[in-house]
Amino acid sequence: MKRLLITVCGRAGSKGFRNKNLKTFCDKPLVYYTLAAAMLFKAARPDVAVDICLNTDSALLVELVKAKYPQVTYIQREAALSGDTVPKMAVFQQSLREMEAKTGKPYDYLMDLDITSPLRTAKDVQNAFEEKEKRHDLDLVFSVTESRRNPYFNMVKTVGDHVEKVLASNFTARQQAPDIYDLNASIYVFERKFLANNKTGILWDGKIGISKMMDTGILDIDSEEDFRLMEVIAHHLYENYPDFAAVRNAIRA
């Protein structure tokens, strides 16, 4: 049986948006949406041995998670990994080391689910995992959304006293340009060997694949305004898309 470690990582505090990992989203703790999606995925894949851990230096976040999801293993984040500029891969590596020490067995994959992506469905999680599962040649699969702008077609940069296309091209329609995606930082699925052996903290050292998500459900939460706008979007998605409602309903249950 394949073994998967799902990590949920969150620092105490946040300079851009204060204490964002402790926020309440649509009347429920923000972190519960990530954990609910993880639990739904776990239930859908009984053929995979799934462990879930919370890596944090926030006692408040630990209390919040334990209150609803006591089965989640707590990993105390190392002090050296709590800074603003620490590569997140180092946090993943710490989680992998400590969870393998606790369980006594190596994992095949590590999947990270970002706390600030509450509008993620269990199907999104499953799609990303299955993409990595079937592509043994890939070191990493991460989630993306289709970009609304294309540097080959309708993005410009300042050059002296005028603007030019970001990437020179003669395309007259966006459909002619190469496909472009936005990284949304919602889901990462690592091959264990690549993650464990990485020394640079740079994702691009590996061979990467993608898993597409609905762009409407993902915003960068960097302010109170971003957070409130995402709540408005959430109500629309819950009312019109059963997969999104399933995550909310799992929390309520």
Protein backbone atom coordinates (compact mmCIF):
# COMPACT_ATOMS: atom_id res chain seq x y z
CA MET A 1 0.00 0.00 0.00
CA LYS A 2 1.31 3.44 -0.93
CA ARG A 3 1.90 5.86 1.91
CA LEU A 4 1.06 9.58 1.75
CA LEU A 5 1.81 12.31 4.25
CA ILE A 6 -0.48 15.36 4.04
CA THR A 7 0.97 18.47 5.66
CA VAL A 8 -0.91 21.57 6.80
CA CYS A 9 1.58 24.30 7.67
CA GLY A 10 0.96 27.66 9.33
CA ARG A 11 3.15 30.15 11.18
CA ALA A 12 2.04 32.23 14.13
CA GLY A 13 1.25 35.78 13.04
CA SER A 14 1.49 37.28 9.57
CA LYS A 15 2.89 40.62 8.49
CA GLY A 16 0.70 40.97 5.41
CA PHE A 17 -2.59 39.92 7.07
CA ARG A 18 -2.39 39.61 10.83
CA ASN A 19 -3.08 36.13 12.25
CA LYS A 20 -4.66 34.99 8.99
CA ASN A 21 -4.30 31.29 9.82
CA LEU A 22 -6.59 31.78 12.84
CA LYS A 23 -9.34 33.60 10.96
CA THR A 24 -12.97 32.51 10.81
CA PHE A 25 -14.18 31.97 7.25
CA CYS A 26 -17.92 31.73 6.59
CA ASP A 27 -18.51 31.12 10.31
CA LYS A 28 -15.94 28.29 10.61
CA PRO A 29 -12.19 28.35 11.37
CA LEU A 30 -10.24 28.82 8.14
CA VAL A 31 -8.01 25.80 8.75
CA TYR A 32 -11.03 23.48 8.98
CA TYR A 33 -11.71 23.83 5.24
CA THR A 34 -8.28 22.45 4.40
CA LEU A 35 -8.61 19.62 6.89
CA ALA A 36 -12.13 18.76 5.72
CA ALA A 37 -10.92 18.46 2.12
CA ALA A 38 -8.03 16.27 3.30
CA MET A 39 -10.38 13.99 5.25
CA LEU A 40 -12.75 13.65 2.29
CA PHE A 41 -9.82 12.71 0.07
CA LYS A 42 -8.62 10.17 2.63
CA ALA A 43 -12.07 8.57 2.75
CA ALA A 44 -12.17 8.38 -1.06
CA ARG A 45 -8.80 6.59 -1.25
CA PRO A 46 -8.84 3.71 1.25
CA ASP A 47 -6.15 2.05 -0.86
CA VAL A 48 -3.65 4.71 0.26
CA ALA A 49 -2.31 4.92 3.82
CA VAL A 50 -2.78 8.61 4.63
CA ASP A 51 -1.39 10.46 7.65
CA ILE A 52 -2.09 14.15 8.28
CA CYS A 53 0.10 16.48 10.30
CA LEU A 54 -0.02 20.11 11.38
CA ASN A 55 3.34 21.90 11.36
CA THR A 56 3.15 25.15 13.30
CA ASP A 57 4.66 27.34 16.02
CA SER A 58 1.20 28.63 17.00
CA ALA A 59 -0.30 27.15 20.18
CA LEU A 60 -3.64 28.72 19.26
CA LEU A 61 -3.68 26.96 15.90
CA VAL A 62 -2.87 23.65 17.60
CA GLU A 63 -5.80 24.10 19.99
CA LEU A 64 -8.12 24.98 17.13
CA VAL A 65 -7.18 21.86 15.13
CA LYS A 66 -7.29 19.49 18.11
CA ALA A 67 -10.81 20.66 18.99
CA LYS A 68 -12.22 19.33 15.71
CA TYR A 69 -9.57 16.99 14.29
CA PRO A 70 -7.78 15.23 17.18
CA GLN A 71 -6.44 12.58 14.79
CA VAL A 72 -4.11 15.15 13.16
CA THR A 73 -0.51 14.79 14.40
CA TYR A 74 1.13 17.95 15.72
CA ILE A 75 4.67 18.85 14.66
CA GLN A 76 6.33 21.72 16.55
CA ARG A 77 7.94 23.95 13.97
CA GLU A 78 11.64 24.46 14.55
CA ALA A 79 12.50 28.02 15.59
CA ALA A 80 14.88 28.33 12.64
CA LEU A 81 11.97 27.70 10.27
CA SER A 82 9.67 30.41 11.62
CA GLY A 83 11.11 33.38 9.74
CA ASP A 84 9.51 35.26 6.85
CA THR A 85 12.12 34.21 4.29
CA VAL A 86 12.49 30.52 5.14
CA PRO A 87 11.82 28.30 2.08
CA LYS A 88 8.63 26.34 2.69
CA MET A 89 10.32 23.21 1.40
CA ALA A 90 12.43 23.21 4.58
CA VAL A 91 9.19 23.01 6.59
CA PHE A 92 7.99 20.11 4.44
CA GLN A 93 11.31 18.34 5.00
CA GLN A 94 11.05 18.77 8.78
CA SER A 95 7.52 17.33 8.70
CA LEU A 96 8.68 14.38 6.62
CA ARG A 97 11.61 13.60 8.93
CA GLU A 98 9.58 13.77 12.12
CA MET A 99 6.56 11.87 10.82
CA GLU A 100 8.76 9.08 9.45
CA ALA A 101 10.50 8.91 12.83
CA LYS A 102 7.11 8.68 14.58
CA THR A 103 5.67 6.02 12.26
CA GLY A 104 8.88 4.09 11.64
CA LYS A 105 8.17 3.85 7.91
CA PRO A 106 9.01 6.00 4.85
CA TYR A 107 6.29 7.71 2.86
CA ASP A 108 6.02 7.52 -0.91
CA TYR A 109 4.67 11.05 -1.30
CA LEU A 110 4.15 14.26 0.64
CA MET A 111 1.20 16.51 -0.20
CA ASP A 112 0.93 20.01 1.22
CA LEU A 113 -2.43 21.77 1.44
CA ASP A 114 -2.27 25.50 2.08
CA ILE A 115 -4.44 26.85 4.91
CA THR A 116 -5.36 30.00 2.99
CA SER A 117 -7.12 28.06 0.21
CA PRO A 118 -10.50 27.31 1.77
CA LEU A 119 -12.24 26.97 -1.60
CA ARG A 120 -10.57 23.72 -2.54
CA THR A 121 -12.62 20.60 -3.23
CA ALA A 122 -11.81 17.00 -2.37
CA LYS A 123 -11.75 16.39 -6.13
CA ASP A 124 -9.03 19.03 -6.51
CA VAL A 125 -6.95 17.14 -3.96
CA GLN A 126 -7.62 13.83 -5.65
CA ASN A 127 -6.79 15.18 -9.12
CA ALA A 128 -3.42 16.50 -7.97
CA PHE A 129 -2.52 13.27 -6.22
CA GLU A 130 -3.59 11.09 -9.14
CA GLU A 131 -1.56 13.19 -11.57
CA LYS A 132 1.57 12.56 -9.51
CA GLU A 133 0.62 8.93 -8.90
CA LYS A 134 0.47 8.15 -12.62
CA ARG A 135 3.54 10.21 -13.55
CA HIS A 136 6.52 8.45 -12.02
CA ASP A 137 8.85 10.70 -14.00
CA LEU A 138 7.71 13.83 -12.14
CA ASP A 139 9.33 15.08 -8.95
CA LEU A 140 6.45 17.37 -8.12
CA VAL A 141 2.90 18.24 -9.15
CA PHE A 142 1.37 21.52 -8.08
CA SER A 143 -2.01 23.14 -8.60
CA VAL A 144 -2.55 25.98 -11.04
CA THR A 145 -5.34 28.03 -12.55
CA GLU A 146 -5.61 29.22 -16.12
CA SER A 147 -4.09 32.68 -16.37
CA ARG A 148 -6.37 35.54 -17.40
CA ARG A 149 -3.41 37.32 -18.99
CA ASN A 150 -0.77 35.96 -21.36
CA PRO A 151 2.75 37.48 -21.60
CA TYR A 152 2.87 36.48 -25.27
CA PHE A 153 -0.31 38.39 -26.08
CA ASN A 154 -1.83 40.89 -23.63
CA MET A 155 0.79 41.73 -21.00
CA VAL A 156 3.23 44.63 -21.39
CA LYS A 157 6.32 46.00 -19.66
CA THR A 158 7.81 49.49 -19.56
CA VAL A 159 10.80 49.98 -21.84
CA GLY A 160 12.19 53.53 -21.64
CA ASP A 161 9.42 55.91 -22.68
CA HIS A 162 6.98 53.26 -24.00
CA VAL A 163 5.68 49.76 -23.41
CA GLU A 164 6.32 46.48 -25.20
CA LYS A 165 5.00 42.93 -24.89
CA VAL A 166 6.51 41.04 -22.00
CA LEU A 167 7.51 38.31 -24.46
CA ALA A 168 8.00 39.23 -28.10
CA SER A 169 5.56 37.47 -30.43
CA ASN A 170 3.43 37.95 -33.54
CA PHE A 171 0.30 36.29 -32.18
CA THR A 172 -2.92 38.06 -33.19
CA ALA A 173 -5.21 36.02 -30.93
CA ARG A 174 -4.70 34.73 -27.42
CA GLN A 175 -5.65 31.23 -28.56
CA GLN A 176 -2.49 31.15 -30.70
CA ALA A 177 -0.19 31.80 -27.74
CA PRO A 178 1.21 29.01 -25.52
CA ASP A 179 -0.93 28.01 -22.55
CA ILE A 180 -0.04 30.03 -19.46
CA TYR A 181 -0.99 29.18 -15.86
CA ASP A 182 -0.90 30.92 -12.51
CA LEU A 183 0.60 29.04 -9.59
CA ASN A 184 -2.03 29.18 -6.87
CA ALA A 185 -0.01 27.58 -4.02
CA SER A 186 -3.03 25.49 -2.97
CA ILE A 187 -1.70 21.95 -3.48
CA TYR A 188 1.80 20.49 -3.81
CA VAL A 189 2.47 16.76 -4.26
CA PHE A 190 6.11 15.74 -3.88
CA GLU A 191 7.94 12.57 -4.72
CA ARG A 192 9.58 11.65 -1.43
CA LYS A 193 13.08 11.20 -2.84
CA PHE A 194 13.09 14.62 -4.51
CA LEU A 195 11.85 16.39 -1.39
CA ALA A 196 14.12 14.58 1.04
CA ASN A 197 17.25 15.17 -1.05
CA ASN A 198 16.62 18.80 -2.03
CA LYS A 199 19.32 21.15 -0.69
CA THR A 200 18.31 24.47 -2.26
CA GLY A 201 14.66 24.92 -1.25
CA ILE A 202 13.87 25.64 -4.90
CA LEU A 203 10.94 23.86 -6.54
CA TRP A 204 12.33 24.32 -10.02
CA ASP A 205 15.19 21.91 -9.35
CA GLY A 206 12.75 19.12 -10.18
CA LYS A 207 10.63 18.02 -13.12
CA ILE A 208 7.17 19.46 -12.53
CA GLY A 209 3.64 18.70 -13.63
CA ILE A 210 0.40 20.59 -13.01
CA SER A 211 -3.15 19.98 -11.84
CA LYS A 212 -5.74 22.58 -12.85
CA MET A 213 -8.27 24.11 -10.48
CA MET A 214 -11.15 26.55 -10.99
CA ASP A 215 -9.66 30.04 -10.92
CA THR A 216 -12.74 31.60 -9.30
CA GLY A 217 -12.09 29.68 -6.11
CA ILE A 218 -8.53 30.89 -5.54
CA LEU A 219 -7.41 34.34 -4.48
CA ASP A 220 -4.22 35.43 -2.76
CA ILE A 221 -5.32 36.36 0.77
CA ASP A 222 -3.06 39.29 1.59
CA SER A 223 -5.56 41.64 3.20
CA GLU A 224 -8.91 41.85 4.98
CA GLU A 225 -10.48 42.90 1.67
CA ASP A 226 -9.20 39.75 -0.08
CA PHE A 227 -10.61 37.66 2.75
CA ARG A 228 -14.08 39.21 2.62
CA LEU A 229 -14.22 38.97 -1.17
CA MET A 230 -13.41 35.28 -0.97
CA GLU A 231 -16.29 34.81 1.48
CA VAL A 232 -18.65 36.36 -1.08
CA ILE A 233 -17.33 33.99 -3.75
CA ALA A 234 -17.68 31.09 -1.32
CA HIS A 235 -21.42 31.64 -0.83
CA HIS A 236 -21.90 31.56 -4.61
CA LEU A 237 -19.88 28.37 -4.98
CA TYR A 238 -21.64 26.64 -2.07
CA GLU A 239 -25.02 27.37 -3.60
CA ASN A 240 -24.14 26.31 -7.14
CA TYR A 241 -21.38 23.69 -6.98
CA PRO A 242 -21.93 20.53 -4.90
CA ASP A 243 -18.22 19.71 -4.66
CA PHE A 244 -17.54 22.98 -2.84
CA ALA A 245 -20.60 22.56 -0.62
CA ALA A 246 -19.39 19.07 0.33
CA VAL A 247 -16.34 20.52 2.10
CA ARG A 248 -18.44 23.02 4.04
CA ASN A 249 -20.95 20.31 4.94
CA ALA A 250 -18.17 18.02 6.17
CA ILE A 251 -17.11 20.72 8.63
CA ARG A 252 -20.68 21.17 9.85
CA ALA A 253 -21.03 17.43 10.35
